[in-house]
Amino acid sequence: MSLAERLIKEFEEDIGLRKRFAELLISEPDIRLVLINAIIADVATKRDLNELRNELREEIRELRREMHSNFKWTVGLIITVWGATIIPILLKLTGII
């Protein structure tokens, strides 16, 4: 087993050792800067969140438009079916037809 493999195994088994190693790495300014730059690439900014919020608002707006359109069709169909069934029954009961 190589030295690197033994070190990796030690890090895997000992949490305290990993923490000490991380502290040593972070205490070095150059390494700290590299880590920060690597992390910043994955962090969402306020601009990212605002863009996402705007996209969601537009999506909700579109869904509302579709629901409103579907509601109009549903009401129209209900009135049509009601008119086609209830009105003839009422006319038959009143003796008009």
N, C-alpha and C. Protein backbone atom coordinates (compact mmCIF):
# COMPACT_ATOMS: atom_id res chain seq x y z
N MET A 1 0.86 -1.17 0.00
CA MET A 1 0.00 0.00 0.00
C MET A 1 0.90 1.24 0.00
N SER A 2 0.62 2.16 -0.88
CA SER A 2 1.45 3.36 -1.00
C SER A 2 1.15 4.33 0.15
N LEU A 3 2.01 5.29 0.29
CA LEU A 3 1.85 6.30 1.33
C LEU A 3 0.55 7.09 1.12
N ALA A 4 0.26 7.43 -0.12
CA ALA A 4 -0.97 8.18 -0.42
C ALA A 4 -2.20 7.38 -0.03
N GLU A 5 -2.20 6.09 -0.33
CA GLU A 5 -3.34 5.24 0.04
C GLU A 5 -3.50 5.15 1.55
N ARG A 6 -2.38 5.05 2.27
CA ARG A 6 -2.45 5.00 3.74
C ARG A 6 -2.99 6.31 4.31
N LEU A 7 -2.55 7.45 3.72
CA LEU A 7 -3.06 8.75 4.17
C LEU A 7 -4.57 8.86 3.93
N ILE A 8 -5.01 8.45 2.76
CA ILE A 8 -6.44 8.51 2.45
C ILE A 8 -7.22 7.64 3.43
N LYS A 9 -6.71 6.45 3.71
CA LYS A 9 -7.39 5.57 4.65
C LYS A 9 -7.47 6.20 6.03
N GLU A 10 -6.38 6.84 6.46
CA GLU A 10 -6.37 7.52 7.76
C GLU A 10 -7.42 8.64 7.79
N PHE A 11 -7.49 9.43 6.72
CA PHE A 11 -8.48 10.51 6.66
C PHE A 11 -9.90 9.96 6.69
N GLU A 12 -10.12 8.84 6.01
CA GLU A 12 -11.46 8.24 5.99
C GLU A 12 -11.87 7.75 7.37
N GLU A 13 -10.93 7.25 8.13
CA GLU A 13 -11.24 6.65 9.42
C GLU A 13 -11.27 7.65 10.57
N ASP A 14 -10.54 8.74 10.47
CA ASP A 14 -10.39 9.66 11.61
C ASP A 14 -10.95 11.04 11.26
N ILE A 15 -12.12 11.38 11.82
CA ILE A 15 -12.76 12.67 11.57
C ILE A 15 -11.90 13.81 12.11
N GLY A 16 -11.33 13.62 13.28
CA GLY A 16 -10.49 14.65 13.88
C GLY A 16 -9.30 15.00 13.00
N LEU A 17 -8.73 13.98 12.40
CA LEU A 17 -7.59 14.19 11.50
C LEU A 17 -8.01 14.99 10.27
N ARG A 18 -9.19 14.66 9.74
CA ARG A 18 -9.69 15.42 8.58
C ARG A 18 -9.90 16.88 8.95
N LYS A 19 -10.46 17.14 10.13
CA LYS A 19 -10.70 18.53 10.55
C LYS A 19 -9.38 19.29 10.70
N ARG A 20 -8.39 18.64 11.32
CA ARG A 20 -7.09 19.31 11.47
C ARG A 20 -6.47 19.62 10.12
N PHE A 21 -6.57 18.66 9.18
CA PHE A 21 -6.02 18.87 7.84
C PHE A 21 -6.74 20.03 7.14
N ALA A 22 -8.06 20.08 7.27
CA ALA A 22 -8.84 21.17 6.66
C ALA A 22 -8.42 22.51 7.27
N GLU A 23 -8.23 22.56 8.58
CA GLU A 23 -7.80 23.80 9.24
C GLU A 23 -6.43 24.24 8.72
N LEU A 24 -5.53 23.30 8.53
CA LEU A 24 -4.21 23.63 8.00
C LEU A 24 -4.31 24.20 6.58
N LEU A 25 -5.18 23.58 5.76
CA LEU A 25 -5.34 24.07 4.39
C LEU A 25 -5.93 25.48 4.39
N ILE A 26 -6.95 25.70 5.20
CA ILE A 26 -7.63 27.00 5.21
C ILE A 26 -6.74 28.11 5.75
N SER A 27 -5.81 27.74 6.61
CA SER A 27 -4.94 28.79 7.19
C SER A 27 -3.96 29.36 6.17
N GLU A 28 -3.77 28.69 5.05
CA GLU A 28 -2.89 29.18 3.98
C GLU A 28 -3.68 30.11 3.07
N PRO A 29 -3.27 31.39 2.93
CA PRO A 29 -4.04 32.36 2.13
C PRO A 29 -4.26 31.93 0.67
N ASP A 30 -3.25 31.36 0.03
CA ASP A 30 -3.39 30.97 -1.37
C ASP A 30 -4.41 29.84 -1.53
N ILE A 31 -4.32 28.86 -0.64
CA ILE A 31 -5.25 27.73 -0.71
C ILE A 31 -6.66 28.20 -0.36
N ARG A 32 -6.77 29.08 0.63
CA ARG A 32 -8.08 29.62 1.02
C ARG A 32 -8.73 30.32 -0.17
N LEU A 33 -7.96 31.10 -0.91
CA LEU A 33 -8.48 31.81 -2.08
C LEU A 33 -8.97 30.83 -3.16
N VAL A 34 -8.22 29.77 -3.38
CA VAL A 34 -8.63 28.75 -4.36
C VAL A 34 -9.94 28.10 -3.92
N LEU A 35 -10.06 27.77 -2.63
CA LEU A 35 -11.29 27.16 -2.12
C LEU A 35 -12.47 28.11 -2.25
N ILE A 36 -12.27 29.36 -1.89
CA ILE A 36 -13.36 30.35 -1.98
C ILE A 36 -13.82 30.49 -3.43
N ASN A 37 -12.89 30.61 -4.35
CA ASN A 37 -13.26 30.74 -5.76
C ASN A 37 -14.01 29.51 -6.26
N ALA A 38 -13.62 28.33 -5.79
CA ALA A 38 -14.31 27.10 -6.20
C ALA A 38 -15.74 27.07 -5.65
N ILE A 39 -15.92 27.55 -4.43
CA ILE A 39 -17.24 27.53 -3.79
C ILE A 39 -18.13 28.61 -4.39
N ILE A 40 -17.59 29.77 -4.67
CA ILE A 40 -18.38 30.89 -5.19
C ILE A 40 -19.07 30.52 -6.50
N ALA A 41 -18.45 29.68 -7.29
CA ALA A 41 -19.04 29.28 -8.58
C ALA A 41 -20.38 28.58 -8.39
N ASP A 42 -20.58 27.93 -7.24
CA ASP A 42 -21.81 27.18 -6.99
C ASP A 42 -22.82 27.92 -6.12
N VAL A 43 -22.48 29.12 -5.66
CA VAL A 43 -23.37 29.87 -4.79
C VAL A 43 -24.34 30.71 -5.62
N ALA A 44 -25.62 30.65 -5.24
CA ALA A 44 -26.63 31.47 -5.93
C ALA A 44 -26.53 32.91 -5.43
N THR A 45 -26.53 33.85 -6.36
CA THR A 45 -26.46 35.26 -5.99
C THR A 45 -27.87 35.83 -5.92
N LYS A 46 -27.98 37.05 -5.43
CA LYS A 46 -29.28 37.72 -5.39
C LYS A 46 -29.84 37.86 -6.81
N ARG A 47 -28.97 38.13 -7.74
CA ARG A 47 -29.42 38.26 -9.14
C ARG A 47 -30.01 36.93 -9.63
N ASP A 48 -29.34 35.82 -9.30
CA ASP A 48 -29.86 34.50 -9.68
C ASP A 48 -31.25 34.27 -9.08
N LEU A 49 -31.39 34.62 -7.82
CA LEU A 49 -32.67 34.43 -7.14
C LEU A 49 -33.75 35.32 -7.73
N ASN A 50 -33.39 36.56 -8.07
CA ASN A 50 -34.37 37.45 -8.70
C ASN A 50 -34.80 36.94 -10.07
N GLU A 51 -33.85 36.42 -10.84
CA GLU A 51 -34.20 35.86 -12.14
C GLU A 51 -35.13 34.66 -11.98
N LEU A 52 -34.84 33.81 -11.02
CA LEU A 52 -35.69 32.66 -10.76
C LEU A 52 -37.09 33.10 -10.32
N ARG A 53 -37.14 34.11 -9.46
CA ARG A 53 -38.43 34.64 -8.99
C ARG A 53 -39.24 35.18 -10.17
N ASN A 54 -38.59 35.91 -11.07
CA ASN A 54 -39.29 36.45 -12.24
C ASN A 54 -39.78 35.33 -13.16
N GLU A 55 -38.96 34.30 -13.34
CA GLU A 55 -39.39 33.17 -14.17
C GLU A 55 -40.60 32.48 -13.56
N LEU A 56 -40.58 32.30 -12.25
CA LEU A 56 -41.71 31.66 -11.57
C LEU A 56 -42.96 32.51 -11.66
N ARG A 57 -42.82 33.81 -11.52
CA ARG A 57 -43.98 34.70 -11.64
C ARG A 57 -44.59 34.61 -13.04
N GLU A 58 -43.74 34.58 -14.05
CA GLU A 58 -44.25 34.47 -15.43
C GLU A 58 -44.95 33.13 -15.64
N GLU A 59 -44.36 32.09 -15.08
CA GLU A 59 -44.98 30.76 -15.19
C GLU A 59 -46.35 30.74 -14.51
N ILE A 60 -46.44 31.33 -13.34
CA ILE A 60 -47.72 31.39 -12.62
C ILE A 60 -48.72 32.22 -13.41
N ARG A 61 -48.26 33.31 -13.98
CA ARG A 61 -49.14 34.17 -14.79
C ARG A 61 -49.72 33.37 -15.96
N GLU A 62 -48.87 32.59 -16.62
CA GLU A 62 -49.32 31.77 -17.75
C GLU A 62 -50.32 30.71 -17.29
N LEU A 63 -50.06 30.09 -16.17
CA LEU A 63 -50.99 29.08 -15.64
C LEU A 63 -52.34 29.71 -15.31
N ARG A 64 -52.33 30.91 -14.76
CA ARG A 64 -53.59 31.60 -14.46
C ARG A 64 -54.38 31.88 -15.73
N ARG A 65 -53.68 32.29 -16.78
CA ARG A 65 -54.35 32.54 -18.07
C ARG A 65 -55.01 31.27 -18.59
N GLU A 66 -54.28 30.17 -18.51
CA GLU A 66 -54.82 28.89 -18.98
C GLU A 66 -56.02 28.46 -18.14
N MET A 67 -55.92 28.62 -16.82
CA MET A 67 -57.03 28.24 -15.94
C MET A 67 -58.26 29.09 -16.23
N HIS A 68 -58.05 30.37 -16.45
CA HIS A 68 -59.16 31.27 -16.75
C HIS A 68 -59.85 30.85 -18.04
N SER A 69 -59.06 30.50 -19.05
CA SER A 69 -59.60 30.05 -20.33
C SER A 69 -60.37 28.74 -20.15
N ASN A 70 -59.81 27.81 -19.40
CA ASN A 70 -60.48 26.53 -19.15
C ASN A 70 -61.77 26.73 -18.36
N PHE A 71 -61.76 27.67 -17.43
CA PHE A 71 -62.96 27.95 -16.63
C PHE A 71 -64.09 28.45 -17.54
N LYS A 72 -63.76 29.35 -18.47
CA LYS A 72 -64.78 29.85 -19.40
C LYS A 72 -65.37 28.72 -20.22
N TRP A 73 -64.51 27.82 -20.72
CA TRP A 73 -65.00 26.68 -21.50
C TRP A 73 -65.88 25.78 -20.65
N THR A 74 -65.48 25.55 -19.41
CA THR A 74 -66.26 24.69 -18.52
C THR A 74 -67.63 25.28 -18.26
N VAL A 75 -67.69 26.56 -17.95
CA VAL A 75 -68.97 27.22 -17.71
C VAL A 75 -69.84 27.16 -18.96
N GLY A 76 -69.25 27.41 -20.11
CA GLY A 76 -69.99 27.34 -21.37
C GLY A 76 -70.58 25.96 -21.62
N LEU A 77 -69.79 24.93 -21.35
CA LEU A 77 -70.27 23.57 -21.55
C LEU A 77 -71.38 23.21 -20.56
N ILE A 78 -71.25 23.65 -19.32
CA ILE A 78 -72.28 23.38 -18.32
C ILE A 78 -73.59 24.04 -18.73
N ILE A 79 -73.52 25.28 -19.16
CA ILE A 79 -74.73 25.99 -19.59
C ILE A 79 -75.36 25.30 -20.80
N THR A 80 -74.52 24.88 -21.75
CA THR A 80 -75.03 24.20 -22.94
C THR A 80 -75.73 22.89 -22.58
N VAL A 81 -75.07 22.08 -21.75
CA VAL A 81 -75.66 20.80 -21.35
C VAL A 81 -76.93 21.04 -20.55
N TRP A 82 -76.92 21.99 -19.66
CA TRP A 82 -78.11 22.31 -18.86
C TRP A 82 -79.25 22.75 -19.78
N GLY A 83 -78.91 23.61 -20.72
CA GLY A 83 -79.94 24.08 -21.65
C GLY A 83 -80.49 22.97 -22.51
N ALA A 84 -79.63 22.04 -22.91
CA ALA A 84 -80.08 20.95 -23.78
C ALA A 84 -80.89 19.90 -23.04
N THR A 85 -80.77 19.82 -21.72
CA THR A 85 -81.51 18.80 -20.97
C THR A 85 -82.64 19.36 -20.14
N ILE A 86 -82.41 20.41 -19.40
CA ILE A 86 -83.42 20.93 -18.47
C ILE A 86 -84.52 21.69 -19.20
N ILE A 87 -84.17 22.52 -20.16
CA ILE A 87 -85.19 23.34 -20.85
C ILE A 87 -86.23 22.44 -21.56
N PRO A 88 -85.85 21.41 -22.31
CA PRO A 88 -86.88 20.53 -22.90
C PRO A 88 -87.75 19.85 -21.84
N ILE A 89 -87.14 19.46 -20.73
CA ILE A 89 -87.93 18.84 -19.66
C ILE A 89 -88.95 19.83 -19.13
N LEU A 90 -88.54 21.07 -18.87
CA LEU A 90 -89.46 22.09 -18.38
C LEU A 90 -90.56 22.39 -19.40
N LEU A 91 -90.19 22.46 -20.66
CA LEU A 91 -91.18 22.71 -21.70
C LEU A 91 -92.18 21.56 -21.78
N LYS A 92 -91.71 20.33 -21.61
CA LYS A 92 -92.59 19.16 -21.65
C LYS A 92 -93.54 19.17 -20.44
N LEU A 93 -92.99 19.54 -19.26
CA LEU A 93 -93.83 19.58 -18.05
C LEU A 93 -94.89 20.66 -18.12
N THR A 94 -94.58 21.77 -18.73
CA THR A 94 -95.56 22.86 -18.83
C THR A 94 -96.53 22.66 -19.98
N GLY A 95 -96.29 21.64 -20.80
CA GLY A 95 -97.20 21.34 -21.88
C GLY A 95 -96.99 22.12 -23.14
N ILE A 96 -95.94 22.86 -23.22
CA ILE A 96 -95.66 23.65 -24.39
C ILE A 96 -95.26 22.76 -25.56
N ILE A 97 -94.55 21.68 -25.28
CA ILE A 97 -94.18 20.75 -26.36
C ILE A 97 -94.74 19.38 -26.06
